C-alpha atoms as a PDB file:
ATOM      1  CA  MET A   1       5.942 114.010  92.026  1.00  0.00           C
ATOM      2  CA  SER A   2       7.750 117.120  92.783  1.00  0.00           C
ATOM      3  CA  LYS A   3       7.459 120.139  90.700  1.00  0.00           C
ATOM      4  CA  PHE A   4      11.117 121.057  90.998  1.00  0.00           C
ATOM      5  CA  ARG A   5      13.758 118.644  89.941  1.00  0.00           C
ATOM      6  CA  LYS A   6      17.242 118.745  91.305  1.00  0.00           C
ATOM      7  CA  LYS A   7      19.798 119.733  88.713  1.00  0.00           C
ATOM      8  CA  LYS A   8      22.955 117.723  88.446  1.00  0.00           C
ATOM      9  CA  LYS A   9      25.882 119.916  89.266  1.00  0.00           C
ATOM     10  CA  GLY A  10      29.085 119.435  87.310  1.00  0.00           C
ATOM     11  CA  MET A  11      32.269 121.390  86.912  1.00  0.00           C
ATOM     12  CA  PRO A  12      31.685 124.914  85.641  1.00  0.00           C
ATOM     13  CA  ALA A  13      33.295 125.855  82.324  1.00  0.00           C
ATOM     14  CA  VAL A  14      36.665 127.583  82.470  1.00  0.00           C
ATOM     15  CA  ASN A  15      36.404 131.284  81.807  1.00  0.00           C
ATOM     16  CA  THR A  16      38.745 132.086  78.920  1.00  0.00           C
ATOM     17  CA  ALA A  17      37.807 135.735  78.496  1.00  0.00           C
ATOM     18  CA  ALA A  18      41.166 136.989  79.842  1.00  0.00           C
ATOM     19  CA  LEU A  19      43.268 134.521  77.838  1.00  0.00           C
ATOM     20  CA  PRO A  20      43.826 136.772  74.775  1.00  0.00           C
ATOM     21  CA  ASP A  21      44.916 139.619  77.053  1.00  0.00           C
ATOM     22  CA  ILE A  22      47.483 137.414  78.757  1.00  0.00           C
ATOM     23  CA  VAL A  23      48.800 136.079  75.454  1.00  0.00           C
ATOM     24  CA  PHE A  24      49.237 139.565  74.017  1.00  0.00           C
ATOM     25  CA  MET A  25      50.942 140.821  77.182  1.00  0.00           C
ATOM     26  CA  LEU A  26      53.454 137.962  76.972  1.00  0.00           C
ATOM     27  CA  LEU A  27      53.977 138.562  73.259  1.00  0.00           C
ATOM     28  CA  PHE A  28      54.551 142.275  73.845  1.00  0.00           C
ATOM     29  CA  PHE A  29      56.972 141.560  76.723  1.00  0.00           C
ATOM     30  CA  PHE A  30      59.146 139.247  74.623  1.00  0.00           C
ATOM     31  CA  MET A  31      59.083 141.606  71.648  1.00  0.00           C
ATOM     32  CA  VAL A  32      60.368 144.448  73.823  1.00  0.00           C
ATOM     33  CA  THR A  33      63.033 142.540  75.746  1.00  0.00           C
ATOM     34  CA  THR A  34      64.504 140.380  72.966  1.00  0.00           C
ATOM     35  CA  THR A  35      67.415 141.649  70.912  1.00  0.00           C
ATOM     36  CA  MET A  36      68.176 140.254  67.505  1.00  0.00           C
ATOM     37  CA  ARG A  37      71.687 139.407  66.375  1.00  0.00           C
ATOM     38  CA  GLU A  38      72.874 142.153  64.071  1.00  0.00           C
ATOM     39  CA  THR A  39      75.530 140.214  62.194  1.00  0.00           C
ATOM     40  CA  ASP A  40      75.858 136.680  60.901  1.00  0.00           C
ATOM     41  CA  LEU A  41      79.213 135.138  61.632  1.00  0.00           C
ATOM     42  CA  ARG A  42      81.089 134.216  58.482  1.00  0.00           C
ATOM     43  CA  ILE A  43      84.006 132.973  60.530  1.00  0.00           C
ATOM     44  CA  GLU A  44      83.880 130.054  62.914  1.00  0.00           C
ATOM     45  CA  ASN A  45      82.977 130.916  66.483  1.00  0.00           C
ATOM     46  CA  PRO A  46      86.270 132.164  67.843  1.00  0.00           C
ATOM     47  CA  ARG A  47      87.861 130.045  70.542  1.00  0.00           C
ATOM     48  CA  LEU A  48      88.757 132.929  72.814  1.00  0.00           C
ATOM     49  CA  PRO A  49      91.924 132.901  74.889  1.00  0.00           C
ATOM     50  CA  SER A  50      91.406 132.535  78.635  1.00  0.00           C
ATOM     51  CA  ALA A  51      92.162 135.298  81.125  1.00  0.00           C
ATOM     52  CA  SER A  52      92.113 135.642  84.885  1.00  0.00           C
ATOM     53  CA  GLU A  53      90.758 139.226  84.921  1.00  0.00           C
ATOM     54  CA  VAL A  54      87.633 139.631  82.792  1.00  0.00           C
ATOM     55  CA  LYS A  55      85.370 142.691  82.741  1.00  0.00           C
ATOM     56  CA  LYS A  56      82.071 143.072  80.872  1.00  0.00           C
ATOM     57  CA  LEU A  57      81.529 145.963  78.492  1.00  0.00           C
ATOM     58  CA  GLU A  58      78.839 148.312  79.752  1.00  0.00           C
ATOM     59  CA  HIS A  59      77.409 150.189  76.773  1.00  0.00           C
ATOM     60  CA  LYS A  60      76.893 147.528  74.115  1.00  0.00           C
ATOM     61  CA  SER A  61      75.425 150.065  71.688  1.00  0.00           C
ATOM     62  CA  LEU A  62      78.776 151.886  71.633  1.00  0.00           C
ATOM     63  CA  VAL A  63      80.821 148.775  70.811  1.00  0.00           C
ATOM     64  CA  CYS A  64      82.125 147.965  67.314  1.00  0.00           C
ATOM     65  CA  THR A  65      83.099 144.309  67.065  1.00  0.00           C
ATOM     66  CA  ILE A  66      85.824 142.997  64.782  1.00  0.00           C
ATOM     67  CA  TYR A  67      86.053 139.216  64.456  1.00  0.00           C
ATOM     68  CA  VAL A  68      89.319 137.495  63.551  1.00  0.00           C
ATOM     69  CA  GLY A  69      89.467 133.775  62.868  1.00  0.00           C
ATOM     70  CA  LYS A  70      89.041 130.925  60.424  1.00  0.00           C
ATOM     71  CA  SER A  71      86.462 131.245  57.652  1.00  0.00           C
ATOM     72  CA  LYS A  72      83.407 128.981  57.722  1.00  0.00           C
ATOM     73  CA  ASP A  73      83.504 128.712  53.927  1.00  0.00           C
ATOM     74  CA  PRO A  74      87.131 128.402  52.767  1.00  0.00           C
ATOM     75  CA  ASN A  75      86.045 128.043  49.126  1.00  0.00           C
ATOM     76  CA  ARG A  76      84.534 131.539  49.163  1.00  0.00           C
ATOM     77  CA  ASP A  77      86.784 133.387  51.605  1.00  0.00           C
ATOM     78  CA  GLY A  78      90.094 131.524  51.470  1.00  0.00           C
ATOM     79  CA  VAL A  79      91.926 129.298  53.911  1.00  0.00           C
ATOM     80  CA  GLY A  80      93.625 130.413  57.119  1.00  0.00           C
ATOM     81  CA  PHE A  81      93.001 131.764  60.590  1.00  0.00           C
ATOM     82  CA  ASN A  82      93.608 135.389  59.643  1.00  0.00           C
ATOM     83  CA  LYS A  83      90.237 136.357  58.209  1.00  0.00           C
ATOM     84  CA  ILE A  84      88.762 139.634  59.452  1.00  0.00           C
ATOM     85  CA  GLN A  85      84.984 140.075  59.600  1.00  0.00           C
ATOM     86  CA  LEU A  86      83.457 143.543  59.668  1.00  0.00           C
ATOM     87  CA  ASN A  87      79.662 143.499  59.911  1.00  0.00           C
ATOM     88  CA  ASP A  88      78.539 140.682  57.574  1.00  0.00           C
ATOM     89  CA  LYS A  89      81.514 140.430  55.247  1.00  0.00           C
ATOM     90  CA  ILE A  90      85.094 139.263  55.197  1.00  0.00           C
ATOM     91  CA  ALA A  91      87.388 142.264  54.859  1.00  0.00           C
ATOM     92  CA  SER A  92      91.016 143.291  54.990  1.00  0.00           C
ATOM     93  CA  ALA A  93      92.774 145.415  57.580  1.00  0.00           C
ATOM     94  CA  ASP A  94      92.673 148.357  55.136  1.00  0.00           C
ATOM     95  CA  GLN A  95      88.863 148.444  55.417  1.00  0.00           C
ATOM     96  CA  VAL A  96      88.870 148.828  59.225  1.00  0.00           C
ATOM     97  CA  PRO A  97      89.071 152.688  59.228  1.00  0.00           C
ATOM     98  CA  ALA A  98      86.008 152.970  56.973  1.00  0.00           C
ATOM     99  CA  PHE A  99      84.161 150.538  59.277  1.00  0.00           C
ATOM    100  CA  ILE A 100      84.942 152.685  62.343  1.00  0.00           C
ATOM    101  CA  ILE A 101      84.036 155.954  60.599  1.00  0.00           C
ATOM    102  CA  ASN A 102      80.732 154.420  59.465  1.00  0.00           C
ATOM    103  CA  ALA A 103      79.993 153.290  63.039  1.00  0.00           C
ATOM    104  CA  ARG A 104      80.737 156.799  64.341  1.00  0.00           C
ATOM    105  CA  THR A 105      78.144 158.311  62.014  1.00  0.00           C
ATOM    106  CA  LYS A 106      75.445 156.171  63.638  1.00  0.00           C
ATOM    107  CA  VAL A 107      75.922 157.597  67.156  1.00  0.00           C
ATOM    108  CA  SER A 108      75.665 161.125  68.468  1.00  0.00           C
ATOM    109  CA  GLU A 109      78.781 163.278  68.531  1.00  0.00           C
ATOM    110  CA  ALA A 110      78.779 163.356  72.335  1.00  0.00           C
ATOM    111  CA  GLU A 111      79.007 159.536  72.494  1.00  0.00           C
ATOM    112  CA  VAL A 112      81.916 159.148  70.037  1.00  0.00           C
ATOM    113  CA  PRO A 113      84.630 159.416  72.762  1.00  0.00           C
ATOM    114  CA  PHE A 114      82.964 156.529  74.631  1.00  0.00           C
ATOM    115  CA  MET A 115      82.985 154.156  71.648  1.00  0.00           C
ATOM    116  CA  THR A 116      84.963 150.949  72.129  1.00  0.00           C
ATOM    117  CA  THR A 117      86.343 148.603  69.500  1.00  0.00           C
ATOM    118  CA  SER A 118      86.110 144.978  70.583  1.00  0.00           C
ATOM    119  CA  ILE A 119      88.405 142.468  68.910  1.00  0.00           C
ATOM    120  CA  LYS A 120      87.230 138.863  69.153  1.00  0.00           C
ATOM    121  CA  ALA A 121      90.160 136.854  67.881  1.00  0.00           C
ATOM    122  CA  ASP A 122      90.611 133.105  67.808  1.00  0.00           C
ATOM    123  CA  LYS A 123      93.488 131.584  69.790  1.00  0.00           C
ATOM    124  CA  GLU A 124      95.080 130.416  66.550  1.00  0.00           C
ATOM    125  CA  SER A 125      94.952 133.858  64.896  1.00  0.00           C
ATOM    126  CA  ASN A 126      98.168 135.506  63.835  1.00  0.00           C
ATOM    127  CA  VAL A 127      99.361 138.351  66.070  1.00  0.00           C
ATOM    128  CA  GLY A 128     100.434 140.218  62.940  1.00  0.00           C
ATOM    129  CA  THR A 129      96.806 140.441  61.808  1.00  0.00           C
ATOM    130  CA  ILE A 130      95.747 141.902  65.149  1.00  0.00           C
ATOM    131  CA  THR A 131      98.671 144.349  65.017  1.00  0.00           C
ATOM    132  CA  ASP A 132      97.578 145.451  61.525  1.00  0.00           C
ATOM    133  CA  ILE A 133      94.070 146.081  62.870  1.00  0.00           C
ATOM    134  CA  ARG A 134      95.476 148.077  65.805  1.00  0.00           C
ATOM    135  CA  LEU A 135      97.573 150.252  63.474  1.00  0.00           C
ATOM    136  CA  LYS A 136      94.528 150.990  61.306  1.00  0.00           C
ATOM    137  CA  LEU A 137      92.496 151.831  64.428  1.00  0.00           C
ATOM    138  CA  ARG A 138      95.246 154.213  65.493  1.00  0.00           C
ATOM    139  CA  ASP A 139      94.973 155.991  62.113  1.00  0.00           C
ATOM    140  CA  VAL A 140      91.328 156.928  62.831  1.00  0.00           C
ATOM    141  CA  ASN A 141      92.006 157.697  66.517  1.00  0.00           C
ATOM    142  CA  ALA A 142      89.998 154.711  67.793  1.00  0.00           C
ATOM    143  CA  LEU A 143      92.246 154.103  70.768  1.00  0.00           C
ATOM    144  CA  LYS A 144      89.772 152.432  73.115  1.00  0.00           C
ATOM    145  CA  ILE A 145      90.228 148.727  72.339  1.00  0.00           C
ATOM    146  CA  SER A 146      88.861 145.702  74.175  1.00  0.00           C
ATOM    147  CA  TYR A 147      90.165 142.198  73.586  1.00  0.00           C
ATOM    148  CA  SER A 148      87.541 139.531  74.203  1.00  0.00           C
ATOM    149  CA  ALA A 149      88.552 136.563  76.357  1.00  0.00           C
ATOM    150  CA  SER A 150      86.838 133.800  78.247  1.00  0.00           C
ATOM    151  CA  LYS A 151      87.170 133.626  82.005  1.00  0.00           C
ATOM    152  CA  GLY A 152      89.643 130.939  82.935  1.00  0.00           C
ATOM    153  CA  SER A 153      92.935 130.286  84.627  1.00  0.00           C
ATOM    154  CA  GLY A 154      94.822 132.762  82.442  1.00  0.00           C
ATOM    155  CA  ASN A 155      97.444 130.196  81.397  1.00  0.00           C
END
């Protein structure tokens, strides 16, 4: 009989010491790179008109978005395609200047000339509503306006 017995070799256990570090690095990465939606749409997702020349907005932090379209809840907001949404509420065209002035207070004074107002209007929206918004924007000297469109044939 031998004094030393041969040990049966099996698969070594997986080293999980670095696993928490990897998990926390991934968690930190997604927390830093993810942006949360700032507003909840109270109008239906606008079916944007198509255009042949489309350009992306560069400084998203300097963009104020005005949504025009049909309300998701007609019992609360009324029926029709001419509902205007500013932040999280349905508003009228008369409330647009206060919305722009409030947005200007949140950025530095040097960035105010670079602010853009983006109008996301449904295809079925009334042009009169958009014209009312434009006139109110003119009153507060918000002359840099972008109309959102989807890239298409432009017909």
